[in-house]
C-alpha atoms as a PDB file:
ATOM      1  CA  MET A   1       0.000   0.000   0.000  1.00  0.00           C
ATOM      2  CA  ASN A   2       1.400   3.387  -1.008  1.00  0.00           C
ATOM      3  CA  HIS A   3       0.999   6.316   1.321  1.00  0.00           C
ATOM      4  CA  VAL A   4      -0.078   9.717   0.055  1.00  0.00           C
ATOM      5  CA  VAL A   5       2.218  11.377   2.596  1.00  0.00           C
ATOM      6  CA  THR A   6       5.264  10.868   0.343  1.00  0.00           C
ATOM      7  CA  LEU A   7       3.501  12.847  -2.352  1.00  0.00           C
ATOM      8  CA  GLN A   8       3.009  15.817  -0.019  1.00  0.00           C
ATOM      9  CA  ASP A   9       6.634  16.969  -0.344  1.00  0.00           C
ATOM     10  CA  ALA A  10       6.353  17.101  -4.128  1.00  0.00           C
ATOM     11  CA  ILE A  11       3.136  19.079  -3.924  1.00  0.00           C
ATOM     12  CA  THR A  12       4.323  21.633  -1.356  1.00  0.00           C
ATOM     13  CA  ALA A  13       7.640  22.120  -3.151  1.00  0.00           C
ATOM     14  CA  PHE A  14       5.803  24.444  -5.538  1.00  0.00           C
ATOM     15  CA  ALA A  15       3.617  26.232  -3.018  1.00  0.00           C
ATOM     16  CA  ASP A  16       2.561  29.858  -3.530  1.00  0.00           C
ATOM     17  CA  PHE A  17       4.964  31.187  -0.917  1.00  0.00           C
ATOM     18  CA  MET A  18       7.944  30.004  -2.969  1.00  0.00           C
ATOM     19  CA  GLU A  19       7.727  32.755  -5.582  1.00  0.00           C
ATOM     20  CA  PRO A  20      10.953  34.229  -6.989  1.00  0.00           C
ATOM     21  CA  THR A  21      12.337  37.185  -5.112  1.00  0.00           C
ATOM     22  CA  SER A  22      12.686  40.641  -6.609  1.00  0.00           C
ATOM     23  CA  ALA A  23      16.436  40.119  -6.935  1.00  0.00           C
ATOM     24  CA  GLU A  24      15.901  36.894  -8.866  1.00  0.00           C
ATOM     25  CA  LEU A  25      13.392  38.563 -11.182  1.00  0.00           C
ATOM     26  CA  ASP A  26      15.829  41.443 -11.746  1.00  0.00           C
ATOM     27  CA  ALA A  27      18.587  38.966 -12.615  1.00  0.00           C
ATOM     28  CA  ILE A  28      16.302  37.238 -15.123  1.00  0.00           C
ATOM     29  CA  GLU A  29      15.380  40.608 -16.626  1.00  0.00           C
ATOM     30  CA  ARG A  30      19.081  41.523 -17.006  1.00  0.00           C
ATOM     31  CA  GLU A  31      19.805  38.190 -18.684  1.00  0.00           C
ATOM     32  CA  MET A  32      16.746  38.255 -20.970  1.00  0.00           C
ATOM     33  CA  PRO A  33      18.645  39.519 -24.083  1.00  0.00           C
ATOM     34  CA  VAL A  34      21.063  36.591 -23.720  1.00  0.00           C
ATOM     35  CA  ILE A  35      18.207  34.144 -23.245  1.00  0.00           C
ATOM     36  CA  LEU A  36      16.354  35.428 -26.305  1.00  0.00           C
ATOM     37  CA  ALA A  37      19.517  35.364 -28.430  1.00  0.00           C
ATOM     38  CA  ASP A  38      20.180  31.771 -27.356  1.00  0.00           C
ATOM     39  CA  VAL A  39      16.610  30.820 -28.246  1.00  0.00           C
ATOM     40  CA  GLU A  40      17.077  32.369 -31.686  1.00  0.00           C
ATOM     41  CA  LEU A  41      20.291  30.374 -32.154  1.00  0.00           C
ATOM     42  CA  LEU A  42      18.548  27.171 -31.107  1.00  0.00           C
ATOM     43  CA  ASP A  43      15.708  27.900 -33.522  1.00  0.00           C
ATOM     44  CA  ALA A  44      18.213  28.306 -36.338  1.00  0.00           C
ATOM     45  CA  HIS A  45      19.853  24.992 -35.478  1.00  0.00           C
ATOM     46  CA  ILE A  46      16.534  23.177 -35.042  1.00  0.00           C
ATOM     47  CA  ALA A  47      15.392  24.328 -38.466  1.00  0.00           C
ATOM     48  CA  THR A  48      18.291  22.445 -40.035  1.00  0.00           C
ATOM     49  CA  ILE A  49      18.172  19.221 -38.027  1.00  0.00           C
ATOM     50  CA  ASP A  50      16.400  17.088 -40.618  1.00  0.00           C
ATOM     51  CA  ARG A  51      17.923  18.557 -43.758  1.00  0.00           C
ATOM     52  CA  THR A  52      21.167  19.818 -45.173  1.00  0.00           C
ATOM     53  CA  PRO A  53      21.583  23.512 -44.346  1.00  0.00           C
ATOM     54  CA  THR A  54      21.344  25.848 -47.301  1.00  0.00           C
ATOM     55  CA  GLU A  55      23.465  28.965 -47.663  1.00  0.00           C
ATOM     56  CA  LEU A  56      20.598  30.977 -46.192  1.00  0.00           C
ATOM     57  CA  ASP A  57      20.418  28.597 -43.208  1.00  0.00           C
ATOM     58  CA  SER A  58      24.156  28.923 -42.679  1.00  0.00           C
ATOM     59  CA  ARG A  59      23.916  32.707 -42.706  1.00  0.00           C
ATOM     60  CA  ARG A  60      21.005  32.578 -40.255  1.00  0.00           C
ATOM     61  CA  ILE A  61      23.021  30.370 -37.889  1.00  0.00           C
ATOM     62  CA  ARG A  62      26.097  32.610 -38.145  1.00  0.00           C
ATOM     63  CA  ARG A  63      23.980  35.723 -37.548  1.00  0.00           C
ATOM     64  CA  ALA A  64      22.286  34.129 -34.541  1.00  0.00           C
ATOM     65  CA  ARG A  65      25.640  32.976 -33.135  1.00  0.00           C
ATOM     66  CA  ARG A  66      27.094  36.494 -33.460  1.00  0.00           C
ATOM     67  CA  LYS A  67      23.987  37.954 -31.832  1.00  0.00           C
ATOM     68  CA  ALA A  68      24.230  35.485 -28.921  1.00  0.00           C
ATOM     69  CA  LEU A  69      27.906  36.270 -28.402  1.00  0.00           C
ATOM     70  CA  ALA A  70      27.246  40.018 -28.567  1.00  0.00           C
ATOM     71  CA  ALA A  71      24.461  39.687 -25.998  1.00  0.00           C
ATOM     72  CA  ARG A  72      26.799  37.784 -23.667  1.00  0.00           C
ATOM     73  CA  VAL A  73      29.528  40.412 -24.073  1.00  0.00           C
ATOM     74  CA  ALA A  74      27.037  43.211 -23.385  1.00  0.00           C
ATOM     75  CA  LEU A  75      25.827  41.426 -20.245  1.00  0.00           C
ATOM     76  CA  LEU A  76      29.391  40.946 -19.025  1.00  0.00           C
ATOM     77  CA  ASN A  77      30.214  44.587 -19.719  1.00  0.00           C
ATOM     78  CA  ARG A  78      27.129  45.756 -17.811  1.00  0.00           C
ATOM     79  CA  THR A  79      28.000  43.451 -14.924  1.00  0.00           C
ATOM     80  CA  ALA A  80      31.610  44.653 -14.851  1.00  0.00           C
ATOM     81  CA  ALA A  81      30.536  48.301 -15.032  1.00  0.00           C
ATOM     82  CA  ALA A  82      28.067  47.831 -12.168  1.00  0.00           C
ATOM     83  CA  GLY A  83      30.710  46.143 -10.038  1.00  0.00           C
ATOM     84  CA  ALA A  84      33.457  48.680 -10.687  1.00  0.00           C
ATOM     85  CA  PRO A  85      34.069  51.198  -7.920  1.00  0.00           C
ATOM     86  CA  GLY A  86      32.769  54.650  -8.764  1.00  0.00           C
ATOM     87  CA  GLY A  87      30.795  53.308 -11.713  1.00  0.00           C
ATOM     88  CA  ALA A  88      33.826  53.372 -14.015  1.00  0.00           C
ATOM     89  CA  ALA A  89      34.196  50.551 -16.498  1.00  0.00           C
END
C-alpha cells in the first residue's frame, strides 16, 4: 500500500509562498537579451536538423551565433561596469 504522505513533499515544493524574489526577477530581466539570443540560435539549429543547411540557413546560424555572443559580451560589460568602484568601467 502506497501512502499519500510521500507525495506531499512534491506538492508543497511548488507552493505559492515560494515565488521568486525581486532580486531573482531582476537577474532574469538583465539576462533576458542573452536568453532570447540563445533561443534564436537554437531555432536556427533546429530548423536544419532534418535537412542539409542551405546557404541561407548557414547565414542565419552565423547571424544568430554572433547575436548570442554580442548579448553575452554586453551582459558581461554591464556586470563589470556595475561592479566597478565609482561606476567606471
